[in-house]
Amino acid sequence: MFIPDGMPKGTPIARLTAERYANLVRYLVDGEPRTVKQYAELLKCQPQVVRRVIDELHFVSRTRKRLVRIAGWMDVGNSLAPRWAPLYTWGDGPDAARPHKKTHAEICREYRARVKARKMTTEANAFLYKGVQHEN
């Protein structure tokens, strides 16, 4: 379970009080897109609480417009397996398209390039190390 900084372990899930809700809206309106986890850290509460509120604000029905939109996507995974988290901001415009997943061929191509670079670096280091010992 995610515990924001400054909260002791075992702290119950922080509710989204009126003050936190007002701060969330203030952070959404300021124009800087952020992930749910970043909003939760700013508000010092659990991400699932913030996600529930943002999902409600992002929902569109026939009777009301969307208040929050996805402005972009942030890679929160590692270089081998990217995981995309939406960046939310205030507005009723269209959502940003989710980035495409890498194909198997792209993943293999990157892996082969890393292995080749690692092999070349190892060989170059061995050559330099060997040359340094002969000078002595």
N, C-alpha and C. Protein backbone atom coordinates (compact mmCIF):
# COMPACT_ATOMS: atom_id res chain seq x y z
N MET A 1 0.84 -1.17 0.00
CA MET A 1 0.00 0.00 0.00
C MET A 1 0.89 1.24 0.00
N PHE A 2 0.51 2.22 -0.78
CA PHE A 2 1.28 3.46 -0.91
C PHE A 2 0.99 4.36 0.30
N ILE A 3 2.04 4.77 0.99
CA ILE A 3 1.91 5.71 2.10
C ILE A 3 2.64 6.99 1.70
N PRO A 4 1.94 8.12 1.57
CA PRO A 4 2.63 9.36 1.21
C PRO A 4 3.69 9.72 2.23
N ASP A 5 4.68 10.49 1.80
CA ASP A 5 5.76 10.93 2.68
C ASP A 5 5.20 11.67 3.88
N GLY A 6 5.77 11.43 5.04
CA GLY A 6 5.37 12.14 6.24
C GLY A 6 4.23 11.48 6.99
N MET A 7 3.67 10.40 6.46
CA MET A 7 2.59 9.70 7.15
C MET A 7 3.14 8.41 7.74
N PRO A 8 2.87 8.12 9.01
CA PRO A 8 3.39 6.90 9.60
C PRO A 8 2.75 5.66 8.99
N LYS A 9 3.49 4.56 9.01
CA LYS A 9 2.99 3.30 8.50
C LYS A 9 1.78 2.88 9.33
N GLY A 10 0.78 2.32 8.68
CA GLY A 10 -0.43 1.92 9.38
C GLY A 10 -1.49 3.01 9.39
N THR A 11 -1.21 4.14 8.76
CA THR A 11 -2.18 5.22 8.70
C THR A 11 -3.35 4.79 7.82
N PRO A 12 -4.59 4.98 8.28
CA PRO A 12 -5.73 4.61 7.45
C PRO A 12 -5.80 5.48 6.19
N ILE A 13 -6.54 5.01 5.22
CA ILE A 13 -6.68 5.74 3.96
C ILE A 13 -7.26 7.11 4.26
N ALA A 14 -6.59 8.14 3.79
CA ALA A 14 -7.04 9.52 4.02
C ALA A 14 -8.24 9.80 3.13
N ARG A 15 -9.28 10.31 3.71
CA ARG A 15 -10.48 10.67 2.95
C ARG A 15 -10.24 11.98 2.22
N LEU A 16 -11.00 12.19 1.18
CA LEU A 16 -10.89 13.42 0.43
C LEU A 16 -11.84 14.44 1.04
N THR A 17 -11.33 15.19 1.99
CA THR A 17 -12.14 16.21 2.67
C THR A 17 -12.42 17.37 1.71
N ALA A 18 -13.26 18.29 2.14
CA ALA A 18 -13.59 19.44 1.31
C ALA A 18 -12.34 20.25 0.99
N GLU A 19 -11.45 20.36 1.96
CA GLU A 19 -10.20 21.11 1.74
C GLU A 19 -9.33 20.41 0.70
N ARG A 20 -9.21 19.08 0.81
CA ARG A 20 -8.41 18.33 -0.16
C ARG A 20 -9.05 18.39 -1.55
N TYR A 21 -10.38 18.31 -1.59
CA TYR A 21 -11.08 18.39 -2.88
C TYR A 21 -10.81 19.75 -3.53
N ALA A 22 -10.88 20.82 -2.76
CA ALA A 22 -10.60 22.16 -3.28
C ALA A 22 -9.16 22.25 -3.78
N ASN A 23 -8.23 21.67 -3.04
CA ASN A 23 -6.83 21.67 -3.48
C ASN A 23 -6.66 20.85 -4.75
N LEU A 24 -7.36 19.72 -4.87
CA LEU A 24 -7.29 18.91 -6.08
C LEU A 24 -7.75 19.72 -7.29
N VAL A 25 -8.87 20.42 -7.14
CA VAL A 25 -9.37 21.25 -8.25
C VAL A 25 -8.37 22.35 -8.57
N ARG A 26 -7.77 22.94 -7.54
CA ARG A 26 -6.77 23.99 -7.76
C ARG A 26 -5.57 23.44 -8.54
N TYR A 27 -5.11 22.23 -8.16
CA TYR A 27 -3.98 21.61 -8.87
C TYR A 27 -4.37 21.24 -10.30
N LEU A 28 -5.61 20.80 -10.51
CA LEU A 28 -6.06 20.45 -11.86
C LEU A 28 -6.13 21.69 -12.76
N VAL A 29 -6.57 22.80 -12.20
CA VAL A 29 -6.77 24.02 -12.99
C VAL A 29 -5.45 24.72 -13.29
N ASP A 30 -4.41 24.49 -12.51
CA ASP A 30 -3.16 25.24 -12.70
C ASP A 30 -2.49 24.96 -14.05
N GLY A 31 -2.94 23.96 -14.78
CA GLY A 31 -2.46 23.75 -16.14
C GLY A 31 -1.33 22.75 -16.28
N GLU A 32 -0.74 22.30 -15.18
CA GLU A 32 0.35 21.32 -15.25
C GLU A 32 -0.23 19.92 -15.15
N PRO A 33 -0.14 19.11 -16.21
CA PRO A 33 -0.69 17.76 -16.15
C PRO A 33 0.10 16.89 -15.18
N ARG A 34 -0.61 16.08 -14.41
CA ARG A 34 0.03 15.19 -13.43
C ARG A 34 -0.67 13.84 -13.43
N THR A 35 0.03 12.82 -12.92
CA THR A 35 -0.57 11.50 -12.75
C THR A 35 -1.38 11.48 -11.45
N VAL A 36 -2.17 10.42 -11.30
CA VAL A 36 -2.96 10.27 -10.08
C VAL A 36 -2.04 10.17 -8.86
N LYS A 37 -0.93 9.46 -9.01
CA LYS A 37 0.00 9.32 -7.90
C LYS A 37 0.61 10.67 -7.50
N GLN A 38 0.91 11.51 -8.47
CA GLN A 38 1.46 12.83 -8.16
C GLN A 38 0.43 13.69 -7.43
N TYR A 39 -0.84 13.62 -7.86
CA TYR A 39 -1.89 14.36 -7.15
C TYR A 39 -2.04 13.84 -5.73
N ALA A 40 -1.96 12.52 -5.55
CA ALA A 40 -2.09 11.93 -4.22
C ALA A 40 -0.95 12.39 -3.30
N GLU A 41 0.26 12.49 -3.83
CA GLU A 41 1.38 12.97 -3.03
C GLU A 41 1.20 14.43 -2.64
N LEU A 42 0.68 15.24 -3.56
CA LEU A 42 0.43 16.65 -3.24
C LEU A 42 -0.65 16.81 -2.17
N LEU A 43 -1.67 15.94 -2.24
CA LEU A 43 -2.80 16.04 -1.31
C LEU A 43 -2.58 15.25 -0.02
N LYS A 44 -1.50 14.45 0.02
CA LYS A 44 -1.20 13.59 1.17
C LYS A 44 -2.36 12.64 1.48
N CYS A 45 -2.80 11.94 0.45
CA CYS A 45 -3.82 10.90 0.64
C CYS A 45 -3.53 9.75 -0.34
N GLN A 46 -4.33 8.71 -0.27
CA GLN A 46 -4.08 7.51 -1.05
C GLN A 46 -4.48 7.71 -2.52
N PRO A 47 -3.73 7.11 -3.46
CA PRO A 47 -4.03 7.27 -4.88
C PRO A 47 -5.43 6.76 -5.26
N GLN A 48 -5.89 5.70 -4.61
CA GLN A 48 -7.21 5.17 -4.99
C GLN A 48 -8.33 6.16 -4.68
N VAL A 49 -8.15 6.99 -3.66
CA VAL A 49 -9.14 8.02 -3.33
C VAL A 49 -9.15 9.08 -4.43
N VAL A 50 -7.96 9.51 -4.84
CA VAL A 50 -7.85 10.52 -5.89
C VAL A 50 -8.36 9.96 -7.22
N ARG A 51 -8.02 8.70 -7.51
CA ARG A 51 -8.45 8.08 -8.77
C ARG A 51 -9.98 8.04 -8.85
N ARG A 52 -10.63 7.72 -7.75
CA ARG A 52 -12.09 7.64 -7.75
C ARG A 52 -12.70 9.01 -8.10
N VAL A 53 -12.16 10.08 -7.52
CA VAL A 53 -12.68 11.42 -7.79
C VAL A 53 -12.37 11.85 -9.22
N ILE A 54 -11.14 11.61 -9.69
CA ILE A 54 -10.78 12.00 -11.05
C ILE A 54 -11.59 11.21 -12.07
N ASP A 55 -11.81 9.92 -11.82
CA ASP A 55 -12.64 9.13 -12.74
C ASP A 55 -14.05 9.69 -12.82
N GLU A 56 -14.58 10.15 -11.70
CA GLU A 56 -15.91 10.75 -11.70
C GLU A 56 -15.92 12.06 -12.48
N LEU A 57 -14.88 12.86 -12.36
CA LEU A 57 -14.79 14.12 -13.09
C LEU A 57 -14.51 13.90 -14.58
N HIS A 58 -13.90 12.76 -14.91
CA HIS A 58 -13.55 12.43 -16.29
C HIS A 58 -14.73 11.79 -17.02
N PHE A 59 -15.71 11.29 -16.28
CA PHE A 59 -16.85 10.59 -16.86
C PHE A 59 -17.74 11.55 -17.65
N VAL A 60 -18.21 11.09 -18.81
CA VAL A 60 -19.09 11.90 -19.64
C VAL A 60 -20.44 11.20 -19.72
N SER A 61 -21.49 11.95 -19.56
CA SER A 61 -22.83 11.40 -19.76
C SER A 61 -23.60 12.34 -20.69
N ARG A 62 -24.84 11.97 -21.00
CA ARG A 62 -25.64 12.81 -21.90
C ARG A 62 -26.03 14.11 -21.22
N THR A 63 -26.03 14.14 -19.89
CA THR A 63 -26.52 15.32 -19.18
C THR A 63 -25.42 16.27 -18.72
N ARG A 64 -24.16 15.84 -18.77
CA ARG A 64 -23.10 16.74 -18.32
C ARG A 64 -21.83 16.55 -19.13
N LYS A 65 -21.04 17.61 -19.18
CA LYS A 65 -19.77 17.58 -19.90
C LYS A 65 -18.67 17.06 -19.00
N ARG A 66 -17.61 16.64 -19.64
CA ARG A 66 -16.41 16.19 -18.92
C ARG A 66 -15.71 17.41 -18.34
N LEU A 67 -15.20 17.29 -17.12
CA LEU A 67 -14.49 18.39 -16.48
C LEU A 67 -12.98 18.20 -16.50
N VAL A 68 -12.53 16.95 -16.58
CA VAL A 68 -11.11 16.62 -16.57
C VAL A 68 -10.80 15.82 -17.82
N ARG A 69 -9.66 16.11 -18.42
CA ARG A 69 -9.26 15.37 -19.62
C ARG A 69 -7.86 14.81 -19.45
N ILE A 70 -7.52 13.87 -20.30
CA ILE A 70 -6.16 13.30 -20.33
C ILE A 70 -5.35 14.15 -21.29
N ALA A 71 -4.36 14.86 -20.74
CA ALA A 71 -3.54 15.78 -21.53
C ALA A 71 -2.37 15.07 -22.20
N GLY A 72 -1.97 13.94 -21.66
CA GLY A 72 -0.84 13.22 -22.22
C GLY A 72 -0.62 11.93 -21.45
N TRP A 73 0.48 11.27 -21.74
CA TRP A 73 0.80 9.99 -21.08
C TRP A 73 2.25 10.03 -20.64
N MET A 74 2.52 9.46 -19.45
CA MET A 74 3.88 9.42 -18.91
C MET A 74 4.30 7.95 -18.76
N ASP A 75 5.52 7.66 -19.19
CA ASP A 75 6.06 6.31 -19.05
C ASP A 75 6.54 6.14 -17.61
N VAL A 76 5.85 5.29 -16.85
CA VAL A 76 6.21 5.06 -15.45
C VAL A 76 6.85 3.68 -15.27
N GLY A 77 7.05 2.95 -16.35
CA GLY A 77 7.69 1.64 -16.28
C GLY A 77 9.19 1.77 -16.47
N ASN A 78 9.81 0.66 -16.80
CA ASN A 78 11.24 0.71 -17.10
C ASN A 78 11.44 0.69 -18.61
N SER A 79 12.68 0.72 -19.06
CA SER A 79 12.94 0.81 -20.49
C SER A 79 12.55 -0.46 -21.24
N LEU A 80 12.52 -1.59 -20.55
CA LEU A 80 12.16 -2.84 -21.22
C LEU A 80 10.66 -2.99 -21.37
N ALA A 81 9.91 -2.59 -20.35
CA ALA A 81 8.46 -2.76 -20.37
C ALA A 81 7.79 -1.45 -19.97
N PRO A 82 7.53 -0.57 -20.92
CA PRO A 82 6.92 0.71 -20.56
C PRO A 82 5.49 0.52 -20.05
N ARG A 83 5.15 1.29 -19.04
CA ARG A 83 3.78 1.34 -18.51
C ARG A 83 3.35 2.79 -18.60
N TRP A 84 2.22 3.03 -19.20
CA TRP A 84 1.78 4.39 -19.45
C TRP A 84 0.74 4.80 -18.44
N ALA A 85 0.97 5.93 -17.78
CA ALA A 85 0.02 6.50 -16.82
C ALA A 85 -0.54 7.79 -17.43
N PRO A 86 -1.86 7.97 -17.33
CA PRO A 86 -2.44 9.19 -17.90
C PRO A 86 -2.09 10.42 -17.08
N LEU A 87 -1.89 11.53 -17.76
CA LEU A 87 -1.64 12.83 -17.13
C LEU A 87 -2.93 13.64 -17.24
N TYR A 88 -3.53 13.94 -16.10
CA TYR A 88 -4.83 14.62 -16.08
C TYR A 88 -4.65 16.12 -15.88
N THR A 89 -5.56 16.88 -16.51
CA THR A 89 -5.62 18.31 -16.32
C THR A 89 -7.07 18.75 -16.51
N TRP A 90 -7.37 19.99 -16.12
CA TRP A 90 -8.73 20.51 -16.21
C TRP A 90 -9.06 20.83 -17.66
N GLY A 91 -10.26 20.51 -18.11
CA GLY A 91 -10.69 20.85 -19.46
C GLY A 91 -11.65 19.81 -20.00
N ASP A 92 -12.40 20.20 -21.02
CA ASP A 92 -13.37 19.28 -21.61
C ASP A 92 -13.00 18.89 -23.04
N GLY A 93 -11.76 19.15 -23.44
CA GLY A 93 -11.30 18.80 -24.78
C GLY A 93 -11.13 17.30 -24.94
N PRO A 94 -10.72 16.89 -26.13
CA PRO A 94 -10.51 15.45 -26.36
C PRO A 94 -9.30 14.93 -25.59
N ASP A 95 -9.37 13.66 -25.23
CA ASP A 95 -8.25 13.01 -24.55
C ASP A 95 -7.10 12.75 -25.52
N ALA A 96 -5.90 12.78 -25.00
CA ALA A 96 -4.72 12.43 -25.80
C ALA A 96 -4.74 10.94 -26.09
N ALA A 97 -4.29 10.57 -27.26
CA ALA A 97 -4.26 9.16 -27.65
C ALA A 97 -3.20 8.42 -26.85
N ARG A 98 -3.51 7.20 -26.47
CA ARG A 98 -2.56 6.38 -25.73
C ARG A 98 -1.45 5.93 -26.68
N PRO A 99 -0.19 5.96 -26.23
CA PRO A 99 0.91 5.52 -27.10
C PRO A 99 0.76 4.04 -27.48
N HIS A 100 1.25 3.72 -28.67
CA HIS A 100 1.14 2.34 -29.14
C HIS A 100 2.08 1.42 -28.37
N LYS A 101 1.71 0.17 -28.28
CA LYS A 101 2.58 -0.82 -27.64
C LYS A 101 3.68 -1.20 -28.62
N LYS A 102 4.85 -1.54 -28.07
CA LYS A 102 5.95 -1.98 -28.92
C LYS A 102 5.63 -3.36 -29.50
N THR A 103 5.99 -3.54 -30.75
CA THR A 103 5.81 -4.85 -31.36
C THR A 103 6.94 -5.78 -30.89
N HIS A 104 6.75 -7.06 -31.11
CA HIS A 104 7.78 -8.03 -30.72
C HIS A 104 9.08 -7.75 -31.47
N ALA A 105 8.98 -7.34 -32.73
CA ALA A 105 10.17 -7.04 -33.52
C ALA A 105 10.93 -5.85 -32.93
N GLU A 106 10.22 -4.81 -32.48
CA GLU A 106 10.88 -3.64 -31.87
C GLU A 106 11.59 -4.03 -30.59
N ILE A 107 10.94 -4.84 -29.77
CA ILE A 107 11.54 -5.28 -28.50
C ILE A 107 12.81 -6.08 -28.78
N CYS A 108 12.76 -7.01 -29.75
CA CYS A 108 13.93 -7.83 -30.09
C CYS A 108 15.06 -6.97 -30.66
N ARG A 109 14.72 -5.99 -31.51
CA ARG A 109 15.73 -5.12 -32.11
C ARG A 109 16.47 -4.34 -31.03
N GLU A 110 15.72 -3.80 -30.06
CA GLU A 110 16.36 -3.06 -28.98
C GLU A 110 17.22 -3.97 -28.11
N TYR A 111 16.75 -5.18 -27.86
CA TYR A 111 17.52 -6.14 -27.05
C TYR A 111 18.83 -6.49 -27.75
N ARG A 112 18.76 -6.78 -29.05
CA ARG A 112 19.99 -7.12 -29.79
C ARG A 112 20.97 -5.96 -29.79
N ALA A 113 20.47 -4.73 -29.91
CA ALA A 113 21.35 -3.55 -29.89
C ALA A 113 22.03 -3.40 -28.53
N ARG A 114 21.28 -3.66 -27.44
CA ARG A 114 21.89 -3.57 -26.10
C ARG A 114 22.94 -4.64 -25.90
N VAL A 115 22.67 -5.86 -26.35
CA VAL A 115 23.64 -6.95 -26.20
C VAL A 115 24.90 -6.64 -27.01
N LYS A 116 24.71 -6.12 -28.24
CA LYS A 116 25.86 -5.78 -29.08
C LYS A 116 26.69 -4.67 -28.44
N ALA A 117 26.04 -3.64 -27.91
CA ALA A 117 26.76 -2.54 -27.26
C ALA A 117 27.50 -3.04 -26.02
N ARG A 118 26.88 -3.92 -25.25
CA ARG A 118 27.53 -4.46 -24.05
C ARG A 118 28.76 -5.28 -24.43
N LYS A 119 28.65 -6.08 -25.51
CA LYS A 119 29.76 -6.91 -25.95
C LYS A 119 30.92 -6.04 -26.45
N MET A 120 30.59 -4.98 -27.20
CA MET A 120 31.63 -4.08 -27.71
C MET A 120 32.32 -3.35 -26.56
N THR A 121 31.57 -2.94 -25.56
CA THR A 121 32.15 -2.24 -24.41
C THR A 121 33.07 -3.17 -23.64
N THR A 122 32.64 -4.41 -23.45
CA THR A 122 33.46 -5.39 -22.73
C THR A 122 34.76 -5.66 -23.48
N GLU A 123 34.66 -5.83 -24.79
CA GLU A 123 35.87 -6.09 -25.59
C GLU A 123 36.82 -4.89 -25.57
N ALA A 124 36.26 -3.67 -25.65
CA ALA A 124 37.10 -2.47 -25.63
C ALA A 124 37.78 -2.32 -24.28
N ASN A 125 37.07 -2.60 -23.21
CA ASN A 125 37.66 -2.52 -21.87
C ASN A 125 38.77 -3.56 -21.71
N ALA A 126 38.56 -4.76 -22.22
CA ALA A 126 39.58 -5.81 -22.12
C ALA A 126 40.82 -5.40 -22.91
N PHE A 127 40.64 -4.81 -24.10
CA PHE A 127 41.76 -4.37 -24.93
C PHE A 127 42.54 -3.27 -24.22
N LEU A 128 41.83 -2.29 -23.66
CA LEU A 128 42.51 -1.19 -22.96
C LEU A 128 43.24 -1.69 -21.72
N TYR A 129 42.60 -2.58 -20.98
CA TYR A 129 43.22 -3.12 -19.77
C TYR A 129 44.46 -3.91 -20.11
N LYS A 130 44.40 -4.66 -21.22
CA LYS A 130 45.53 -5.46 -21.66
C LYS A 130 46.68 -4.53 -22.08
N GLY A 131 46.38 -3.43 -22.74
CA GLY A 131 47.39 -2.49 -23.19
C GLY A 131 48.05 -1.78 -22.02
N VAL A 132 47.31 -1.50 -20.98
CA VAL A 132 47.85 -0.81 -19.81
C VAL A 132 48.84 -1.71 -19.08
N GLN A 133 48.56 -3.00 -19.02
CA GLN A 133 49.45 -3.92 -18.30
C GLN A 133 50.77 -4.09 -19.05
N HIS A 134 50.77 -4.06 -20.38
CA HIS A 134 51.99 -4.24 -21.15
C HIS A 134 52.92 -3.03 -21.04
N GLU A 135 52.39 -1.85 -20.79
CA GLU A 135 53.22 -0.66 -20.67
C GLU A 135 54.03 -0.69 -19.39
N ASN A 136 53.51 -1.31 -18.36
CA ASN A 136 54.20 -1.33 -17.07
C ASN A 136 55.34 -2.23 -17.09
